[in-house]
Amino acid sequence: MTRLITAFIITAGIASTAWAATGSTRCRCASCATATADIGPAIRRVVAEIERRTGRTVRITSGLRCATHNRKVGGVPGSRHVTGKAVDITIAGMKPEEIAAVARGIPAVRYVSVYKDGHVHVDTH
């Protein structure tokens, strides 16, 4: 199975309205009803906190997904990506396990997983 990943880089200094304006953390499915929706405020705060704690830029490789797109990329049913409460991330110069350890130390984080391809899944309550 081929997994399509589109990347977006967020820096902690950018306001959340700027993130939404770019559309890069939105569903990649051009025809879905969530095309104008975006990741939620809780996961935005978590990304900003990861950047603050690491002093590095977080690269979001997957944000909000509609159910159809979630299935197409191999996401699990009920994925928190569908509700805008999850992101998959990488950070240049850091091992996935290091990123996961930082994320696990943030109280708002519900679940963290390291994928075989090196991306780190982070989701919120």
PDB file of N, CA and C in Angstrom:
ATOM      1  N   MET A   1       0.846  -1.177   0.000  1.00  0.00           N
ATOM      2  CA  MET A   1       0.000   0.000   0.000  1.00  0.00           C
ATOM      3  C   MET A   1       0.892   1.242   0.000  1.00  0.00           C
ATOM      4  N   THR A   2       0.537   2.209  -0.803  1.00  0.00           N
ATOM      5  CA  THR A   2       1.254   3.477  -0.849  1.00  0.00           C
ATOM      6  C   THR A   2       0.572   4.450   0.089  1.00  0.00           C
ATOM      7  N   ARG A   3       1.354   5.147   0.871  1.00  0.00           N
ATOM      8  CA  ARG A   3       0.800   6.113   1.809  1.00  0.00           C
ATOM      9  C   ARG A   3       1.175   7.512   1.339  1.00  0.00           C
ATOM     10  N   LEU A   4       0.172   8.298   0.988  1.00  0.00           N
ATOM     11  CA  LEU A   4       0.398   9.660   0.534  1.00  0.00           C
ATOM     12  C   LEU A   4       0.512  10.564   1.753  1.00  0.00           C
ATOM     13  N   ILE A   5       1.621  11.266   1.849  1.00  0.00           N
ATOM     14  CA  ILE A   5       1.834  12.180   2.967  1.00  0.00           C
ATOM     15  C   ILE A   5       2.180  13.549   2.403  1.00  0.00           C
ATOM     16  N   THR A   6       1.457  14.546   2.854  1.00  0.00           N
ATOM     17  CA  THR A   6       1.767  15.916   2.487  1.00  0.00           C
ATOM     18  C   THR A   6       2.241  16.613   3.745  1.00  0.00           C
ATOM     19  N   ALA A   7       3.346  17.286   3.670  1.00  0.00           N
ATOM     20  CA  ALA A   7       3.952  17.877   4.860  1.00  0.00           C
ATOM     21  C   ALA A   7       3.655  19.360   4.968  1.00  0.00           C
ATOM     22  N   PHE A   8       3.642  19.832   6.191  1.00  0.00           N
ATOM     23  CA  PHE A   8       3.472  21.242   6.505  1.00  0.00           C
ATOM     24  C   PHE A   8       4.350  21.547   7.698  1.00  0.00           C
ATOM     25  N   ILE A   9       5.031  22.641   7.639  1.00  0.00           N
ATOM     26  CA  ILE A   9       5.899  23.019   8.761  1.00  0.00           C
ATOM     27  C   ILE A   9       5.239  24.149   9.535  1.00  0.00           C
ATOM     28  N   ILE A  10       5.140  23.970  10.845  1.00  0.00           N
ATOM     29  CA  ILE A  10       4.562  24.970  11.732  1.00  0.00           C
ATOM     30  C   ILE A  10       5.666  25.461  12.652  1.00  0.00           C
ATOM     31  N   THR A  11       5.741  26.752  12.848  1.00  0.00           N
ATOM     32  CA  THR A  11       6.667  27.272  13.847  1.00  0.00           C
ATOM     33  C   THR A  11       5.861  27.841  14.992  1.00  0.00           C
ATOM     34  N   ALA A  12       6.390  27.739  16.179  1.00  0.00           N
ATOM     35  CA  ALA A  12       5.656  28.131  17.382  1.00  0.00           C
ATOM     36  C   ALA A  12       5.233  29.596  17.369  1.00  0.00           C
ATOM     37  N   GLY A  13       5.944  30.433  16.646  1.00  0.00           N
ATOM     38  CA  GLY A  13       5.610  31.850  16.631  1.00  0.00           C
ATOM     39  C   GLY A  13       4.431  32.224  15.755  1.00  0.00           C
ATOM     40  N   ILE A  14       3.916  31.289  14.973  1.00  0.00           N
ATOM     41  CA  ILE A  14       2.798  31.594  14.077  1.00  0.00           C
ATOM     42  C   ILE A  14       1.493  31.401  14.825  1.00  0.00           C
ATOM     43  N   ALA A  15       0.620  32.381  14.729  1.00  0.00           N
ATOM     44  CA  ALA A  15      -0.682  32.294  15.404  1.00  0.00           C
ATOM     45  C   ALA A  15      -1.527  31.204  14.769  1.00  0.00           C
ATOM     46  N   SER A  16      -2.438  30.628  15.562  1.00  0.00           N
ATOM     47  CA  SER A  16      -3.271  29.539  15.065  1.00  0.00           C
ATOM     48  C   SER A  16      -4.113  29.964  13.873  1.00  0.00           C
ATOM     49  N   THR A  17      -4.499  31.230  13.787  1.00  0.00           N
ATOM     50  CA  THR A  17      -5.271  31.680  12.630  1.00  0.00           C
ATOM     51  C   THR A  17      -4.431  31.594  11.361  1.00  0.00           C
ATOM     52  N   ALA A  18      -3.142  31.798  11.476  1.00  0.00           N
ATOM     53  CA  ALA A  18      -2.264  31.665  10.312  1.00  0.00           C
ATOM     54  C   ALA A  18      -2.175  30.209   9.883  1.00  0.00           C
ATOM     55  N   TRP A  19      -2.149  29.269  10.857  1.00  0.00           N
ATOM     56  CA  TRP A  19      -2.127  27.856  10.503  1.00  0.00           C
ATOM     57  C   TRP A  19      -3.367  27.510   9.693  1.00  0.00           C
ATOM     58  N   ALA A  20      -4.525  27.964  10.174  1.00  0.00           N
ATOM     59  CA  ALA A  20      -5.785  27.664   9.489  1.00  0.00           C
ATOM     60  C   ALA A  20      -5.815  28.291   8.103  1.00  0.00           C
ATOM     61  N   ALA A  21      -5.261  29.471   7.967  1.00  0.00           N
ATOM     62  CA  ALA A  21      -5.291  30.172   6.688  1.00  0.00           C
ATOM     63  C   ALA A  21      -4.502  29.436   5.611  1.00  0.00           C
ATOM     64  N   THR A  22      -3.474  28.698   6.000  1.00  0.00           N
ATOM     65  CA  THR A  22      -2.665  27.996   5.004  1.00  0.00           C
ATOM     66  C   THR A  22      -3.391  26.787   4.433  1.00  0.00           C
ATOM     67  N   GLY A  23      -4.254  26.181   5.226  1.00  0.00           N
ATOM     68  CA  GLY A  23      -4.964  24.990   4.774  1.00  0.00           C
ATOM     69  C   GLY A  23      -4.130  23.734   4.801  1.00  0.00           C
ATOM     70  N   SER A  24      -2.868  23.823   5.228  1.00  0.00           N
ATOM     71  CA  SER A  24      -2.021  22.655   5.146  1.00  0.00           C
ATOM     72  C   SER A  24      -2.242  21.601   6.213  1.00  0.00           C
ATOM     73  N   THR A  25      -2.960  21.902   7.254  1.00  0.00           N
ATOM     74  CA  THR A  25      -3.257  20.884   8.259  1.00  0.00           C
ATOM     75  C   THR A  25      -4.686  20.361   8.077  1.00  0.00           C
ATOM     76  N   ARG A  26      -5.296  20.716   6.973  1.00  0.00           N
ATOM     77  CA  ARG A  26      -6.656  20.267   6.656  1.00  0.00           C
ATOM     78  C   ARG A  26      -6.618  18.949   5.899  1.00  0.00           C
ATOM     79  N   CYS A  27      -7.789  18.368   5.726  1.00  0.00           N
ATOM     80  CA  CYS A  27      -7.898  17.127   4.962  1.00  0.00           C
ATOM     81  C   CYS A  27      -7.408  17.354   3.533  1.00  0.00           C
ATOM     82  N   ARG A  28      -6.694  16.380   2.993  1.00  0.00           N
ATOM     83  CA  ARG A  28      -6.158  16.475   1.640  1.00  0.00           C
ATOM     84  C   ARG A  28      -7.190  16.082   0.584  1.00  0.00           C
ATOM     85  N   CYS A  29      -8.334  15.604   1.011  1.00  0.00           N
ATOM     86  CA  CYS A  29      -9.394  15.182   0.090  1.00  0.00           C
ATOM     87  C   CYS A  29     -10.107  16.431  -0.433  1.00  0.00           C
ATOM     88  N   ALA A  30      -9.938  16.742  -1.680  1.00  0.00           N
ATOM     89  CA  ALA A  30     -10.448  17.992  -2.251  1.00  0.00           C
ATOM     90  C   ALA A  30     -11.971  18.062  -2.310  1.00  0.00           C
ATOM     91  N   SER A  31     -12.637  16.959  -2.177  1.00  0.00           N
ATOM     92  CA  SER A  31     -14.084  16.982  -2.347  1.00  0.00           C
ATOM     93  C   SER A  31     -14.883  16.725  -1.074  1.00  0.00           C
ATOM     94  N   CYS A  32     -14.206  16.590   0.057  1.00  0.00           N
ATOM     95  CA  CYS A  32     -14.938  16.226   1.271  1.00  0.00           C
ATOM     96  C   CYS A  32     -15.558  17.433   1.975  1.00  0.00           C
ATOM     97  N   ALA A  33     -16.463  17.139   2.887  1.00  0.00           N
ATOM     98  CA  ALA A  33     -17.160  18.190   3.638  1.00  0.00           C
ATOM     99  C   ALA A  33     -16.252  18.875   4.648  1.00  0.00           C
ATOM    100  N   THR A  34     -15.116  18.266   4.985  1.00  0.00           N
ATOM    101  CA  THR A  34     -14.216  18.880   5.970  1.00  0.00           C
ATOM    102  C   THR A  34     -13.142  19.738   5.308  1.00  0.00           C
ATOM    103  N   ALA A  35     -13.285  19.991   4.025  1.00  0.00           N
ATOM    104  CA  ALA A  35     -12.247  20.723   3.285  1.00  0.00           C
ATOM    105  C   ALA A  35     -11.952  22.099   3.886  1.00  0.00           C
ATOM    106  N   THR A  36     -12.911  22.703   4.569  1.00  0.00           N
ATOM    107  CA  THR A  36     -12.654  24.001   5.192  1.00  0.00           C
ATOM    108  C   THR A  36     -12.379  23.884   6.681  1.00  0.00           C
ATOM    109  N   ALA A  37     -12.497  22.682   7.238  1.00  0.00           N
ATOM    110  CA  ALA A  37     -12.203  22.468   8.657  1.00  0.00           C
ATOM    111  C   ALA A  37     -10.698  22.287   8.837  1.00  0.00           C
ATOM    112  N   ASP A  38     -10.258  22.315  10.073  1.00  0.00           N
ATOM    113  CA  ASP A  38      -8.825  22.224  10.352  1.00  0.00           C
ATOM    114  C   ASP A  38      -8.620  21.518  11.691  1.00  0.00           C
ATOM    115  N   ILE A  39      -7.355  21.252  12.042  1.00  0.00           N
ATOM    116  CA  ILE A  39      -7.075  20.639  13.336  1.00  0.00           C
ATOM    117  C   ILE A  39      -7.548  21.564  14.456  1.00  0.00           C
ATOM    118  N   GLY A  40      -7.861  20.970  15.588  1.00  0.00           N
ATOM    119  CA  GLY A  40      -8.424  21.719  16.697  1.00  0.00           C
ATOM    120  C   GLY A  40      -7.401  22.464  17.537  1.00  0.00           C
ATOM    121  N   PRO A  41      -7.901  23.333  18.410  1.00  0.00           N
ATOM    122  CA  PRO A  41      -7.018  24.163  19.232  1.00  0.00           C
ATOM    123  C   PRO A  41      -6.163  23.369  20.219  1.00  0.00           C
ATOM    124  N   ALA A  42      -6.663  22.273  20.743  1.00  0.00           N
ATOM    125  CA  ALA A  42      -5.885  21.504  21.717  1.00  0.00           C
ATOM    126  C   ALA A  42      -4.633  20.910  21.079  1.00  0.00           C
ATOM    127  N   ILE A  43      -4.771  20.338  19.882  1.00  0.00           N
ATOM    128  CA  ILE A  43      -3.598  19.740  19.231  1.00  0.00           C
ATOM    129  C   ILE A  43      -2.654  20.827  18.741  1.00  0.00           C
ATOM    130  N   ARG A  44      -3.178  22.003  18.397  1.00  0.00           N
ATOM    131  CA  ARG A  44      -2.314  23.132  18.034  1.00  0.00           C
ATOM    132  C   ARG A  44      -1.435  23.535  19.218  1.00  0.00           C
ATOM    133  N   ARG A  45      -2.051  23.584  20.401  1.00  0.00           N
ATOM    134  CA  ARG A  45      -1.285  23.943  21.601  1.00  0.00           C
ATOM    135  C   ARG A  45      -0.216  22.895  21.901  1.00  0.00           C
ATOM    136  N   VAL A  46      -0.549  21.630  21.681  1.00  0.00           N
ATOM    137  CA  VAL A  46       0.425  20.563  21.911  1.00  0.00           C
ATOM    138  C   VAL A  46       1.607  20.712  20.958  1.00  0.00           C
ATOM    139  N   VAL A  47       1.336  20.972  19.681  1.00  0.00           N
ATOM    140  CA  VAL A  47       2.422  21.158  18.708  1.00  0.00           C
ATOM    141  C   VAL A  47       3.310  22.330  19.133  1.00  0.00           C
ATOM    142  N   ALA A  48       2.690  23.421  19.525  1.00  0.00           N
ATOM    143  CA  ALA A  48       3.465  24.587  19.975  1.00  0.00           C
ATOM    144  C   ALA A  48       4.294  24.248  21.213  1.00  0.00           C
ATOM    145  N   GLU A  49       3.751  23.457  22.112  1.00  0.00           N
ATOM    146  CA  GLU A  49       4.478  23.074  23.325  1.00  0.00           C
ATOM    147  C   GLU A  49       5.644  22.142  22.995  1.00  0.00           C
ATOM    148  N   ILE A  50       5.460  21.240  22.044  1.00  0.00           N
ATOM    149  CA  ILE A  50       6.563  20.375  21.622  1.00  0.00           C
ATOM    150  C   ILE A  50       7.688  21.235  21.061  1.00  0.00           C
ATOM    151  N   GLU A  51       7.323  22.231  20.261  1.00  0.00           N
ATOM    152  CA  GLU A  51       8.339  23.134  19.712  1.00  0.00           C
ATOM    153  C   GLU A  51       9.038  23.922  20.815  1.00  0.00           C
ATOM    154  N   ARG A  52       8.271  24.376  21.793  1.00  0.00           N
ATOM    155  CA  ARG A  52       8.870  25.136  22.893  1.00  0.00           C
ATOM    156  C   ARG A  52       9.849  24.267  23.664  1.00  0.00           C
ATOM    157  N   ARG A  53       9.455  23.038  23.963  1.00  0.00           N
ATOM    158  CA  ARG A  53      10.298  22.145  24.760  1.00  0.00           C
ATOM    159  C   ARG A  53      11.539  21.664  24.009  1.00  0.00           C
ATOM    160  N   THR A  54      11.453  21.525  22.697  1.00  0.00           N
ATOM    161  CA  THR A  54      12.583  21.019  21.919  1.00  0.00           C
ATOM    162  C   THR A  54      13.423  22.138  21.310  1.00  0.00           C
ATOM    163  N   GLY A  55      12.828  23.321  21.164  1.00  0.00           N
ATOM    164  CA  GLY A  55      13.517  24.410  20.496  1.00  0.00           C
ATOM    165  C   GLY A  55      13.662  24.178  18.998  1.00  0.00           C
ATOM    166  N   ARG A  56      12.827  23.301  18.464  1.00  0.00           N
ATOM    167  CA  ARG A  56      12.897  22.932  17.044  1.00  0.00           C
ATOM    168  C   ARG A  56      11.530  23.047  16.383  1.00  0.00           C
ATOM    169  N   THR A  57      11.552  23.106  15.063  1.00  0.00           N
ATOM    170  CA  THR A  57      10.325  23.205  14.280  1.00  0.00           C
ATOM    171  C   THR A  57       9.695  21.825  14.092  1.00  0.00           C
ATOM    172  N   VAL A  58       8.402  21.735  14.347  1.00  0.00           N
ATOM    173  CA  VAL A  58       7.658  20.499  14.139  1.00  0.00           C
ATOM    174  C   VAL A  58       7.164  20.462  12.692  1.00  0.00           C
ATOM    175  N   ARG A  59       7.342  19.332  12.047  1.00  0.00           N
ATOM    176  CA  ARG A  59       6.822  19.122  10.695  1.00  0.00           C
ATOM    177  C   ARG A  59       5.606  18.214  10.804  1.00  0.00           C
ATOM    178  N   ILE A  60       4.430  18.750  10.483  1.00  0.00           N
ATOM    179  CA  ILE A  60       3.201  17.959  10.516  1.00  0.00           C
ATOM    180  C   ILE A  60       3.044  17.274   9.167  1.00  0.00           C
ATOM    181  N   THR A  61       3.017  15.949   9.188  1.00  0.00           N
ATOM    182  CA  THR A  61       2.868  15.194   7.949  1.00  0.00           C
ATOM    183  C   THR A  61       1.432  14.769   7.694  1.00  0.00           C
ATOM    184  N   SER A  62       0.592  14.818   8.733  1.00  0.00           N
ATOM    185  CA  SER A  62      -0.828  14.529   8.574  1.00  0.00           C
ATOM    186  C   SER A  62      -1.594  15.199   9.696  1.00  0.00           C
ATOM    187  N   GLY A  63      -2.659  15.899   9.326  1.00  0.00           N
ATOM    188  CA  GLY A  63      -3.511  16.573  10.309  1.00  0.00           C
ATOM    189  C   GLY A  63      -4.927  16.023  10.222  1.00  0.00           C
ATOM    190  N   LEU A  64      -5.888  16.909   9.973  1.00  0.00           N
ATOM    191  CA  LEU A  64      -7.287  16.499   9.867  1.00  0.00           C
ATOM    192  C   LEU A  64      -7.499  15.647   8.623  1.00  0.00           C
ATOM    193  N   ARG A  65      -8.312  14.604   8.763  1.00  0.00           N
ATOM    194  CA  ARG A  65      -8.698  13.753   7.629  1.00  0.00           C
ATOM    195  C   ARG A  65     -10.195  13.499   7.687  1.00  0.00           C
ATOM    196  N   CYS A  66     -10.846  13.478   6.532  1.00  0.00           N
ATOM    197  CA  CYS A  66     -12.231  13.002   6.503  1.00  0.00           C
ATOM    198  C   CYS A  66     -12.179  11.474   6.589  1.00  0.00           C
ATOM    199  N   ALA A  67     -13.307  10.836   6.865  1.00  0.00           N
ATOM    200  CA  ALA A  67     -13.332   9.380   7.027  1.00  0.00           C
ATOM    201  C   ALA A  67     -12.863   8.669   5.758  1.00  0.00           C
ATOM    202  N   THR A  68     -13.246   9.188   4.600  1.00  0.00           N
ATOM    203  CA  THR A  68     -12.849   8.570   3.331  1.00  0.00           C
ATOM    204  C   THR A  68     -11.338   8.638   3.145  1.00  0.00           C
ATOM    205  N   HIS A  69     -10.782   9.801   3.366  1.00  0.00           N
ATOM    206  CA  HIS A  69      -9.332   9.964   3.217  1.00  0.00           C
ATOM    207  C   HIS A  69      -8.588   9.135   4.262  1.00  0.00           C
ATOM    208  N   ASN A  70      -9.134   9.080   5.460  1.00  0.00           N
ATOM    209  CA  ASN A  70      -8.525   8.279   6.519  1.00  0.00           C
ATOM    210  C   ASN A  70      -8.408   6.819   6.087  1.00  0.00           C
ATOM    211  N   ARG A  71      -9.473   6.282   5.473  1.00  0.00           N
ATOM    212  CA  ARG A  71      -9.425   4.907   4.979  1.00  0.00           C
ATOM    213  C   ARG A  71      -8.380   4.763   3.868  1.00  0.00           C
ATOM    214  N   LYS A  72      -8.332   5.747   2.960  1.00  0.00           N
ATOM    215  CA  LYS A  72      -7.403   5.684   1.820  1.00  0.00           C
ATOM    216  C   LYS A  72      -5.946   5.644   2.261  1.00  0.00           C
ATOM    217  N   VAL A  73      -5.619   6.324   3.357  1.00  0.00           N
ATOM    218  CA  VAL A  73      -4.227   6.350   3.818  1.00  0.00           C
ATOM    219  C   VAL A  73      -3.923   5.267   4.848  1.00  0.00           C
ATOM    220  N   GLY A  74      -4.898   4.393   5.087  1.00  0.00           N
ATOM    221  CA  GLY A  74      -4.674   3.294   6.011  1.00  0.00           C
ATOM    222  C   GLY A  74      -4.904   3.629   7.467  1.00  0.00           C
ATOM    223  N   GLY A  75      -5.604   4.744   7.736  1.00  0.00           N
ATOM    224  CA  GLY A  75      -5.918   5.122   9.119  1.00  0.00           C
ATOM    225  C   GLY A  75      -6.907   4.161   9.752  1.00  0.00           C
ATOM    226  N   VAL A  76      -6.857   4.038  11.054  1.00  0.00           N
ATOM    227  CA  VAL A  76      -7.764   3.134  11.761  1.00  0.00           C
ATOM    228  C   VAL A  76      -9.159   3.745  11.865  1.00  0.00           C
ATOM    229  N   PRO A  77     -10.204   2.913  11.889  1.00  0.00           N
ATOM    230  CA  PRO A  77     -11.555   3.441  12.111  1.00  0.00           C
ATOM    231  C   PRO A  77     -11.606   4.158  13.463  1.00  0.00           C
ATOM    232  N   GLY A  78     -12.280   5.286  13.518  1.00  0.00           N
ATOM    233  CA  GLY A  78     -12.373   6.048  14.763  1.00  0.00           C
ATOM    234  C   GLY A  78     -11.129   6.875  15.049  1.00  0.00           C
ATOM    235  N   SER A  79     -10.248   7.024  14.066  1.00  0.00           N
ATOM    236  CA  SER A  79      -9.021   7.797  14.246  1.00  0.00           C
ATOM    237  C   SER A  79      -9.332   9.212  14.726  1.00  0.00           C
ATOM    238  N   ARG A  80      -8.520   9.720  15.629  1.00  0.00           N
ATOM    239  CA  ARG A  80      -8.699  11.086  16.123  1.00  0.00           C
ATOM    240  C   ARG A  80      -8.287  12.117  15.074  1.00  0.00           C
ATOM    241  N   HIS A  81      -7.654  11.672  13.990  1.00  0.00           N
ATOM    242  CA  HIS A  81      -7.403  12.568  12.860  1.00  0.00           C
ATOM    243  C   HIS A  81      -8.739  13.062  12.283  1.00  0.00           C
ATOM    244  N   VAL A  82      -9.765  12.219  12.328  1.00  0.00           N
ATOM    245  CA  VAL A  82     -11.064  12.549  11.747  1.00  0.00           C
ATOM    246  C   VAL A  82     -11.759  13.663  12.532  1.00  0.00           C
ATOM    247  N   THR A  83     -11.445  13.788  13.802  1.00  0.00           N
ATOM    248  CA  THR A  83     -12.060  14.835  14.623  1.00  0.00           C
ATOM    249  C   THR A  83     -11.126  16.024  14.849  1.00  0.00           C
ATOM    250  N   GLY A  84      -9.979  16.023  14.193  1.00  0.00           N
ATOM    251  CA  GLY A  84      -9.041  17.145  14.320  1.00  0.00           C
ATOM    252  C   GLY A  84      -8.272  17.157  15.620  1.00  0.00           C
ATOM    253  N   LYS A  85      -8.180  15.993  16.269  1.00  0.00           N
ATOM    254  CA  LYS A  85      -7.495  15.912  17.563  1.00  0.00           C
ATOM    255  C   LYS A  85      -6.186  15.149  17.495  1.00  0.00           C
ATOM    256  N   ALA A  86      -5.655  14.959  16.277  1.00  0.00           N
ATOM    257  CA  ALA A  86      -4.411  14.207  16.125  1.00  0.00           C
ATOM    258  C   ALA A  86      -3.569  14.765  14.987  1.00  0.00           C
ATOM    259  N   VAL A  87      -2.268  14.589  15.129  1.00  0.00           N
ATOM    260  CA  VAL A  87      -1.309  14.918  14.067  1.00  0.00           C
ATOM    261  C   VAL A  87      -0.250  13.832  14.028  1.00  0.00           C
ATOM    262  N   ASP A  88       0.357  13.667  12.871  1.00  0.00           N
ATOM    263  CA  ASP A  88       1.554  12.856  12.732  1.00  0.00           C
ATOM    264  C   ASP A  88       2.680  13.843  12.469  1.00  0.00           C
ATOM    265  N   ILE A  89       3.796  13.679  13.172  1.00  0.00           N
ATOM    266  CA  ILE A  89       4.863  14.681  13.106  1.00  0.00           C
ATOM    267  C   ILE A  89       6.241  14.062  12.979  1.00  0.00           C
ATOM    268  N   THR A  90       7.182  14.895  12.547  1.00  0.00           N
ATOM    269  CA  THR A  90       8.611  14.604  12.611  1.00  0.00           C
ATOM    270  C   THR A  90       9.298  15.897  13.040  1.00  0.00           C
ATOM    271  N   ILE A  91      10.519  15.777  13.521  1.00  0.00           N
ATOM    272  CA  ILE A  91      11.344  16.943  13.841  1.00  0.00           C
ATOM    273  C   ILE A  91      12.747  16.638  13.346  1.00  0.00           C
ATOM    274  N   ALA A  92      13.252  17.482  12.459  1.00  0.00           N
ATOM    275  CA  ALA A  92      14.598  17.286  11.918  1.00  0.00           C
ATOM    276  C   ALA A  92      15.622  17.251  13.047  1.00  0.00           C
ATOM    277  N   GLY A  93      16.512  16.277  12.985  1.00  0.00           N
ATOM    278  CA  GLY A  93      17.579  16.174  13.972  1.00  0.00           C
ATOM    279  C   GLY A  93      17.194  15.445  15.247  1.00  0.00           C
ATOM    280  N   MET A  94      15.961  14.948  15.310  1.00  0.00           N
ATOM    281  CA  MET A  94      15.532  14.199  16.494  1.00  0.00           C
ATOM    282  C   MET A  94      15.044  12.819  16.093  1.00  0.00           C
ATOM    283  N   LYS A  95      15.352  11.826  16.918  1.00  0.00           N
ATOM    284  CA  LYS A  95      14.852  10.476  16.688  1.00  0.00           C
ATOM    285  C   LYS A  95      13.380  10.431  17.079  1.00  0.00           C
ATOM    286  N   PRO A  96      12.589   9.590  16.404  1.00  0.00           N
ATOM    287  CA  PRO A  96      11.161   9.484  16.738  1.00  0.00           C
ATOM    288  C   PRO A  96      10.916   9.196  18.222  1.00  0.00           C
ATOM    289  N   GLU A  97      11.750   8.358  18.811  1.00  0.00           N
ATOM    290  CA  GLU A  97      11.578   8.014  20.224  1.00  0.00           C
ATOM    291  C   GLU A  97      11.797   9.228  21.126  1.00  0.00           C
ATOM    292  N   GLU A  98      12.704  10.130  20.730  1.00  0.00           N
ATOM    293  CA  GLU A  98      12.934  11.363  21.489  1.00  0.00           C
ATOM    294  C   GLU A  98      11.721  12.284  21.398  1.00  0.00           C
ATOM    295  N   ILE A  99      11.161  12.392  20.208  1.00  0.00           N
ATOM    296  CA  ILE A  99       9.960  13.217  20.013  1.00  0.00           C
ATOM    297  C   ILE A  99       8.818  12.655  20.842  1.00  0.00           C
ATOM    298  N   ALA A 100       8.649  11.342  20.793  1.00  0.00           N
ATOM    299  CA  ALA A 100       7.576  10.687  21.551  1.00  0.00           C
ATOM    300  C   ALA A 100       7.725  10.945  23.047  1.00  0.00           C
ATOM    301  N   ALA A 101       8.941  10.900  23.553  1.00  0.00           N
ATOM    302  CA  ALA A 101       9.175  11.141  24.982  1.00  0.00           C
ATOM    303  C   ALA A 101       8.772  12.558  25.368  1.00  0.00           C
ATOM    304  N   VAL A 102       9.081  13.518  24.523  1.00  0.00           N
ATOM    305  CA  VAL A 102       8.689  14.907  24.792  1.00  0.00           C
ATOM    306  C   VAL A 102       7.173  15.008  24.801  1.00  0.00           C
ATOM    307  N   ALA A 103       6.523  14.442  23.788  1.00  0.00           N
ATOM    308  CA  ALA A 103       5.062  14.512  23.679  1.00  0.00           C
ATOM    309  C   ALA A 103       4.380  13.854  24.883  1.00  0.00           C
ATOM    310  N   ARG A 104       4.910  12.738  25.324  1.00  0.00           N
ATOM    311  CA  ARG A 104       4.305  12.030  26.468  1.00  0.00           C
ATOM    312  C   ARG A 104       4.373  12.847  27.756  1.00  0.00           C
ATOM    313  N   GLY A 105       5.275  13.801  27.815  1.00  0.00           N
ATOM    314  CA  GLY A 105       5.405  14.643  28.997  1.00  0.00           C
ATOM    315  C   GLY A 105       4.437  15.820  29.034  1.00  0.00           C
ATOM    316  N   ILE A 106       3.595  15.946  28.037  1.00  0.00           N
ATOM    317  CA  ILE A 106       2.639  17.057  27.978  1.00  0.00           C
ATOM    318  C   ILE A 106       1.278  16.562  28.464  1.00  0.00           C
ATOM    319  N   PRO A 107       0.724  17.164  29.523  1.00  0.00           N
ATOM    320  CA  PRO A 107      -0.524  16.673  30.119  1.00  0.00           C
ATOM    321  C   PRO A 107      -1.711  16.566  29.154  1.00  0.00           C
ATOM    322  N   ALA A 108      -1.800  17.436  28.169  1.00  0.00           N
ATOM    323  CA  ALA A 108      -2.935  17.411  27.242  1.00  0.00           C
ATOM    324  C   ALA A 108      -2.868  16.263  26.239  1.00  0.00           C
ATOM    325  N   VAL A 109      -1.741  15.572  26.178  1.00  0.00           N
ATOM    326  CA  VAL A 109      -1.577  14.473  25.231  1.00  0.00           C
ATOM    327  C   VAL A 109      -2.231  13.212  25.787  1.00  0.00           C
ATOM    328  N   ARG A 110      -3.061  12.590  24.951  1.00  0.00           N
ATOM    329  CA  ARG A 110      -3.769  11.372  25.322  1.00  0.00           C
ATOM    330  C   ARG A 110      -2.996  10.128  24.930  1.00  0.00           C
ATOM    331  N   TYR A 111      -2.408  10.149  23.724  1.00  0.00           N
ATOM    332  CA  TYR A 111      -1.780   8.948  23.176  1.00  0.00           C
ATOM    333  C   TYR A 111      -0.651   9.350  22.231  1.00  0.00           C
ATOM    334  N   VAL A 112       0.438   8.584  22.269  1.00  0.00           N
ATOM    335  CA  VAL A 112       1.586   8.796  21.383  1.00  0.00           C
ATOM    336  C   VAL A 112       2.016   7.438  20.843  1.00  0.00           C
ATOM    337  N   SER A 113       2.319   7.402  19.547  1.00  0.00           N
ATOM    338  CA  SER A 113       2.779   6.173  18.924  1.00  0.00           C
ATOM    339  C   SER A 113       3.864   6.504  17.900  1.00  0.00           C
ATOM    340  N   VAL A 114       4.865   5.648  17.797  1.00  0.00           N
ATOM    341  CA  VAL A 114       5.918   5.820  16.798  1.00  0.00           C
ATOM    342  C   VAL A 114       5.661   4.825  15.672  1.00  0.00           C
ATOM    343  N   TYR A 115       5.501   5.334  14.462  1.00  0.00           N
ATOM    344  CA  TYR A 115       5.293   4.484  13.289  1.00  0.00           C
ATOM    345  C   TYR A 115       6.620   3.937  12.795  1.00  0.00           C
ATOM    346  N   LYS A 116       6.560   2.823  12.097  1.00  0.00           N
ATOM    347  CA  LYS A 116       7.763   2.200  11.529  1.00  0.00           C
ATOM    348  C   LYS A 116       8.477   3.135  10.555  1.00  0.00           C
ATOM    349  N   ASP A 117       7.715   4.035   9.896  1.00  0.00           N
ATOM    350  CA  ASP A 117       8.328   4.946   8.919  1.00  0.00           C
ATOM    351  C   ASP A 117       8.973   6.165   9.571  1.00  0.00           C
ATOM    352  N   GLY A 118       8.946   6.237  10.922  1.00  0.00           N
ATOM    353  CA  GLY A 118       9.621   7.320  11.633  1.00  0.00           C
ATOM    354  C   GLY A 118       8.746   8.481  12.036  1.00  0.00           C
ATOM    355  N   HIS A 119       7.477   8.474  11.627  1.00  0.00           N
ATOM    356  CA  HIS A 119       6.565   9.531  12.050  1.00  0.00           C
ATOM    357  C   HIS A 119       6.048   9.231  13.450  1.00  0.00           C
ATOM    358  N   VAL A 120       5.697  10.275  14.171  1.00  0.00           N
ATOM    359  CA  VAL A 120       5.170  10.138  15.525  1.00  0.00           C
ATOM    360  C   VAL A 120       3.722  10.623  15.521  1.00  0.00           C
ATOM    361  N   HIS A 121       2.800   9.748  15.955  1.00  0.00           N
ATOM    362  CA  HIS A 121       1.387  10.113  16.083  1.00  0.00           C
ATOM    363  C   HIS A 121       1.183  10.677  17.482  1.00  0.00           C
ATOM    364  N   VAL A 122       0.520  11.825  17.552  1.00  0.00           N
ATOM    365  CA  VAL A 122       0.205  12.467  18.828  1.00  0.00           C
ATOM    366  C   VAL A 122      -1.266  12.848  18.792  1.00  0.00           C
ATOM    367  N   ASP A 123      -2.016  12.477  19.826  1.00  0.00           N
ATOM    368  CA  ASP A 123      -3.392  12.957  19.896  1.00  0.00           C
ATOM    369  C   ASP A 123      -3.768  13.435  21.279  1.00  0.00           C
ATOM    370  N   THR A 124      -4.855  14.204  21.324  1.00  0.00           N
ATOM    371  CA  THR A 124      -5.285  14.862  22.557  1.00  0.00           C
ATOM    372  C   THR A 124      -6.623  14.314  23.031  1.00  0.00           C
ATOM    373  N   HIS A 125      -6.984  14.698  24.232  1.00  0.00           N
ATOM    374  CA  HIS A 125      -8.264  14.299  24.844  1.00  0.00           C
ATOM    375  C   HIS A 125      -9.418  14.939  24.119  1.00  0.00           C
TER     376      HIS A 125
END
